[in-house]
């Protein structure tokens, strides 16, 4: 089930049937009553004229996009609320200082460097297999190490665009390979007590779209208010990014 034009005040909404992929116009109150990620089919349409999958779409996709664009343009002329998210470049810790890595804690791999026939910490790198990044000053491959994607912020080329009912979505602007690193999940690092309090706050205030990621040791990342540059609006709209987002398909 998908709804275009999220955030725009329309009398009607367009919902895509999960069976035939046809877009159907429904009253706003019907769209608002739907549960997130719920499946929706033509026969659920209150308009009997378009409640069968075999009935052609009322408007073309281009006409629907044009209708939503015109409504959004009208919406832009209205007073805007201030942004509810803050751009950050790294995880924000409110309950403790950021941990500093001691030399004794650094895991050193034994990969042969490229100038000795190695692949620069490729798939067989012990650190990579343990989901640990190499440290440049200690890695045998030095600055040719390929296992420093977080440290060097080697993110895929991404863009933030509207994504229907979820508000904003994160889209790849280039082909990505299966297993390719996309982006780091960045936000506020909370201790468990604050996580529980904030979760209840979001529920009580009607915040429908939010996402918490457990990173272990009783800590959770919340990217609803403080977010990174690569996923700022997407995270602010609670688009869930994994700490190590990888592509499932080529």
Protein backbone atom coordinates (compact mmCIF):
# COMPACT_ATOMS: atom_id res chain seq x y z
CA UNK A 1 0.00 0.00 0.00
CA UNK A 2 1.43 3.38 -1.03
CA UNK A 3 0.20 6.95 -0.77
CA UNK A 4 1.73 9.82 -2.79
CA UNK A 5 1.64 13.45 -1.73
CA UNK A 6 2.30 12.91 1.97
CA UNK A 7 2.31 16.17 3.92
CA UNK A 8 -0.01 17.89 1.42
CA UNK A 9 -3.52 18.67 2.58
CA UNK A 10 -5.74 17.03 -0.03
CA UNK A 11 -9.41 16.17 0.20
CA UNK A 12 -8.57 12.87 -1.47
CA UNK A 13 -5.53 10.61 -1.48
CA UNK A 14 -4.25 8.11 -4.01
CA UNK A 15 -3.56 4.57 -2.82
CA UNK A 16 -1.89 1.85 -4.87
CA UNK A 17 -3.48 -1.59 -4.90
CA UNK A 18 -1.05 -4.25 -3.71
CA UNK A 19 -2.49 -6.76 -6.19
CA UNK A 20 -2.79 -4.92 -9.52
CA UNK A 21 -0.57 -1.86 -8.74
CA UNK A 22 -3.34 0.47 -9.93
CA UNK A 23 -3.72 3.83 -8.18
CA UNK A 24 -7.14 4.54 -6.69
CA UNK A 25 -8.54 7.81 -5.34
CA UNK A 26 -9.97 7.50 -1.81
CA UNK A 27 -11.23 10.02 0.78
CA UNK A 28 -8.58 11.44 3.09
CA UNK A 29 -10.20 9.89 6.16
CA UNK A 30 -9.88 6.44 4.58
CA UNK A 31 -6.18 6.95 3.91
CA UNK A 32 -5.61 8.29 7.44
CA UNK A 33 -7.28 5.23 8.97
CA UNK A 34 -4.86 2.79 7.35
CA UNK A 35 -2.21 1.14 9.48
CA UNK A 36 1.39 1.55 8.32
CA UNK A 37 2.56 -1.18 5.92
CA UNK A 38 -0.96 -2.61 5.73
CA UNK A 39 -1.90 -4.20 2.43
CA UNK A 40 -4.68 -2.52 0.46
CA UNK A 41 -6.74 -3.80 -2.48
CA UNK A 42 -9.18 -2.31 -4.96
CA UNK A 43 -12.17 -4.06 -3.35
CA UNK A 44 -11.57 -1.98 -0.21
CA UNK A 45 -12.28 1.21 -2.16
CA UNK A 46 -15.48 2.88 -0.87
CA UNK A 47 -16.09 4.10 -4.43
CA UNK A 48 -17.76 1.04 -5.98
CA UNK A 49 -17.01 2.33 -9.49
CA UNK A 50 -13.27 1.70 -8.93
CA UNK A 51 -13.47 -1.24 -6.50
CA UNK A 52 -12.42 -3.90 -9.02
CA UNK A 53 -8.86 -4.52 -10.23
CA UNK A 54 -10.01 -4.91 -13.84
CA UNK A 55 -11.31 -1.31 -13.96
CA UNK A 56 -8.75 1.05 -15.57
CA UNK A 57 -7.03 3.69 -13.49
CA UNK A 58 -9.02 6.94 -13.19
CA UNK A 59 -6.03 9.15 -14.12
CA UNK A 60 -2.65 8.40 -15.62
CA UNK A 61 0.39 8.37 -13.36
CA UNK A 62 1.53 11.64 -14.92
CA UNK A 63 -1.84 13.27 -14.17
CA UNK A 64 -1.74 12.05 -10.58
CA UNK A 65 1.79 13.45 -10.14
CA UNK A 66 0.68 16.75 -11.63
CA UNK A 67 -2.30 16.92 -9.27
CA UNK A 68 -0.07 16.27 -6.26
CA UNK A 69 2.49 18.83 -7.47
CA UNK A 70 -0.15 21.53 -7.82
CA UNK A 71 -1.50 20.80 -4.34
CA UNK A 72 2.03 20.87 -2.90
CA UNK A 73 2.71 24.21 -4.58
CA UNK A 74 -0.38 25.64 -2.89
CA UNK A 75 0.79 24.17 0.41
CA UNK A 76 4.17 25.90 0.09
CA UNK A 77 2.45 29.27 0.23
CA UNK A 78 1.18 28.52 3.74
CA UNK A 79 3.20 29.41 6.89
CA UNK A 80 5.72 26.68 7.63
CA UNK A 81 6.56 25.14 10.97
CA UNK A 82 10.23 25.24 12.02
CA UNK A 83 12.32 22.16 11.36
CA UNK A 84 12.03 19.53 14.07
CA UNK A 85 15.36 17.87 13.29
CA UNK A 86 18.96 18.94 13.73
CA UNK A 87 21.79 18.10 11.35
CA UNK A 88 24.78 16.36 12.97
CA UNK A 89 27.96 14.88 11.51
CA UNK A 90 28.43 12.10 14.06
CA UNK A 91 26.61 10.30 16.82
CA UNK A 92 25.55 12.55 19.71
CA UNK A 93 26.03 11.21 23.24
CA UNK A 94 23.91 12.84 25.92
CA UNK A 95 24.69 10.50 28.84
CA UNK A 96 28.44 9.95 28.45
CA UNK A 97 31.52 11.05 26.55
CA UNK A 98 32.49 9.39 23.30
CA UNK A 99 34.81 6.45 23.95
CA UNK A 100 38.43 6.85 22.88
CA UNK A 101 40.10 3.78 21.43
CA UNK A 102 43.25 2.67 23.22
CA UNK A 103 46.12 1.23 21.24
CA UNK A 104 45.71 -2.06 23.09
CA UNK A 105 42.12 -2.31 21.84
CA UNK A 106 43.00 -1.99 18.15
CA UNK A 107 42.55 -5.17 16.12
CA UNK A 108 45.36 -5.53 13.57
CA UNK A 109 44.77 -7.77 10.57
CA UNK A 110 47.44 -9.69 8.70
CA UNK A 111 46.42 -8.87 5.14
CA UNK A 112 49.26 -8.53 2.62
CA UNK A 113 49.27 -5.00 1.17
CA UNK A 114 48.54 -4.41 -2.53
CA UNK A 115 52.21 -3.79 -3.30
CA UNK A 116 52.84 -7.36 -2.11
CA UNK A 117 50.01 -8.91 -4.10
CA UNK A 118 47.23 -8.37 -1.56
CA UNK A 119 43.75 -6.97 -2.19
CA UNK A 120 43.79 -4.19 0.39
CA UNK A 121 41.79 -5.92 3.15
CA UNK A 122 39.24 -7.61 0.92
CA UNK A 123 36.67 -10.32 1.80
CA UNK A 124 39.23 -12.49 3.61
CA UNK A 125 40.37 -9.74 6.01
CA UNK A 126 39.86 -11.05 9.56
CA UNK A 127 38.69 -7.62 10.73
CA UNK A 128 36.13 -7.41 7.94
CA UNK A 129 34.81 -10.87 8.77
CA UNK A 130 34.44 -9.80 12.43
CA UNK A 131 32.64 -6.58 11.37
CA UNK A 132 35.52 -4.46 12.66
CA UNK A 133 37.09 -1.61 10.72
CA UNK A 134 40.84 -1.42 10.32
CA UNK A 135 42.79 1.52 11.75
CA UNK A 136 44.92 3.17 9.09
CA UNK A 137 48.01 3.75 11.23
CA UNK A 138 48.03 0.07 12.26
CA UNK A 139 46.77 -1.71 9.13
CA UNK A 140 49.44 -3.43 6.98
CA UNK A 141 47.72 -2.01 3.88
CA UNK A 142 48.04 1.56 5.25
CA UNK A 143 46.13 4.09 3.13
CA UNK A 144 45.15 1.41 0.57
CA UNK A 145 42.98 -0.44 3.07
CA UNK A 146 39.42 -0.97 1.80
CA UNK A 147 38.02 -1.77 5.23
CA UNK A 148 37.51 1.79 6.51
CA UNK A 149 34.13 2.70 5.01
CA UNK A 150 32.74 4.21 8.21
CA UNK A 151 35.92 6.11 9.06
CA UNK A 152 36.26 7.55 5.56
CA UNK A 153 32.48 7.99 5.11
CA UNK A 154 32.50 6.08 1.84
CA UNK A 155 28.75 6.36 1.37
CA UNK A 156 26.86 5.53 -1.79
CA UNK A 157 25.39 8.39 -3.81
CA UNK A 158 21.97 8.92 -2.22
CA UNK A 159 19.12 11.42 -2.41
CA UNK A 160 16.19 12.27 -0.14
CA UNK A 161 12.79 12.49 -1.81
CA UNK A 162 9.16 12.18 -0.81
CA UNK A 163 8.04 8.60 -0.30
CA UNK A 164 4.29 8.69 0.23
CA UNK A 165 2.88 7.84 3.64
CA UNK A 166 6.29 7.66 5.30
CA UNK A 167 7.09 11.30 4.47
CA UNK A 168 10.60 11.14 3.02
CA UNK A 169 12.57 8.23 1.63
CA UNK A 170 16.22 7.60 0.84
CA UNK A 171 16.87 6.73 -2.81
CA UNK A 172 20.01 5.45 -4.52
CA UNK A 173 21.13 7.72 -7.36
CA UNK A 174 23.43 5.12 -8.84
CA UNK A 175 23.44 1.36 -9.32
CA UNK A 176 24.52 -0.50 -6.19
CA UNK A 177 25.93 -4.00 -5.99
CA UNK A 178 24.63 -6.70 -3.68
CA UNK A 179 26.25 -6.26 -0.26
CA UNK A 180 27.52 -2.74 -1.03
CA UNK A 181 27.86 -0.35 1.92
CA UNK A 182 25.33 2.46 1.63
CA UNK A 183 25.39 4.68 4.70
CA UNK A 184 25.99 4.80 8.44
CA UNK A 185 23.06 5.16 10.83
CA UNK A 186 23.71 8.29 12.91
CA UNK A 187 21.64 9.93 15.63
CA UNK A 188 21.38 10.36 19.38
CA UNK A 189 22.89 7.54 21.42
CA UNK A 190 20.57 6.94 24.39
CA UNK A 191 20.85 4.86 27.50
CA UNK A 192 18.04 2.39 28.11
CA UNK A 193 16.12 4.58 30.59
CA UNK A 194 15.99 7.52 28.18
CA UNK A 195 15.07 5.20 25.31
CA UNK A 196 12.02 3.93 27.25
CA UNK A 197 11.00 7.48 28.20
CA UNK A 198 11.35 8.77 24.66
CA UNK A 199 9.47 5.85 23.16
CA UNK A 200 6.52 6.58 25.46
CA UNK A 201 6.74 10.27 24.59
CA UNK A 202 6.53 9.54 20.86
CA UNK A 203 3.49 7.33 21.42
CA UNK A 204 1.73 9.87 23.64
CA UNK A 205 2.34 12.76 21.23
CA UNK A 206 1.12 10.82 18.19
CA UNK A 207 4.55 10.46 16.57
CA UNK A 208 3.78 7.57 14.22
CA UNK A 209 7.07 7.18 12.39
CA UNK A 210 10.17 6.63 14.47
CA UNK A 211 12.93 4.06 14.68
CA UNK A 212 15.31 2.97 17.41
CA UNK A 213 18.36 0.83 16.71
CA UNK A 214 19.91 -1.25 19.49
CA UNK A 215 23.71 -1.07 19.34
CA UNK A 216 24.36 -3.19 22.43
CA UNK A 217 25.58 -2.48 25.96
CA UNK A 218 22.19 -1.02 26.87
CA UNK A 219 22.44 1.77 24.28
CA UNK A 220 20.07 2.70 21.48
CA UNK A 221 20.34 5.16 18.56
CA UNK A 222 17.40 7.49 17.93
CA UNK A 223 17.59 9.42 14.64
CA UNK A 224 14.23 11.15 14.82
CA UNK A 225 15.46 14.59 15.96
CA UNK A 226 19.25 14.61 15.48
CA UNK A 227 20.30 13.12 12.16
CA UNK A 228 23.26 12.82 9.78
CA UNK A 229 23.78 14.64 6.50
CA UNK A 230 23.35 11.54 4.36
CA UNK A 231 19.92 10.74 5.77
CA UNK A 232 18.80 13.95 7.44
CA UNK A 233 15.21 14.31 6.29
CA UNK A 234 14.74 10.61 5.83
CA UNK A 235 15.71 9.92 9.42
CA UNK A 236 13.71 12.89 10.64
CA UNK A 237 10.70 11.28 9.04
CA UNK A 238 11.71 8.00 10.65
CA UNK A 239 12.94 6.17 7.60
CA UNK A 240 14.81 3.29 9.14
CA UNK A 241 18.42 3.00 8.10
CA UNK A 242 20.59 0.22 9.40
CA UNK A 243 23.98 0.95 10.93
CA UNK A 244 25.46 -0.99 8.05
CA UNK A 245 22.94 -0.67 5.26
CA UNK A 246 23.70 -3.01 2.37
CA UNK A 247 21.90 -3.70 -0.84
CA UNK A 248 19.90 -6.91 -1.15
CA UNK A 249 19.87 -6.95 -4.94
CA UNK A 250 22.16 -5.87 -7.72
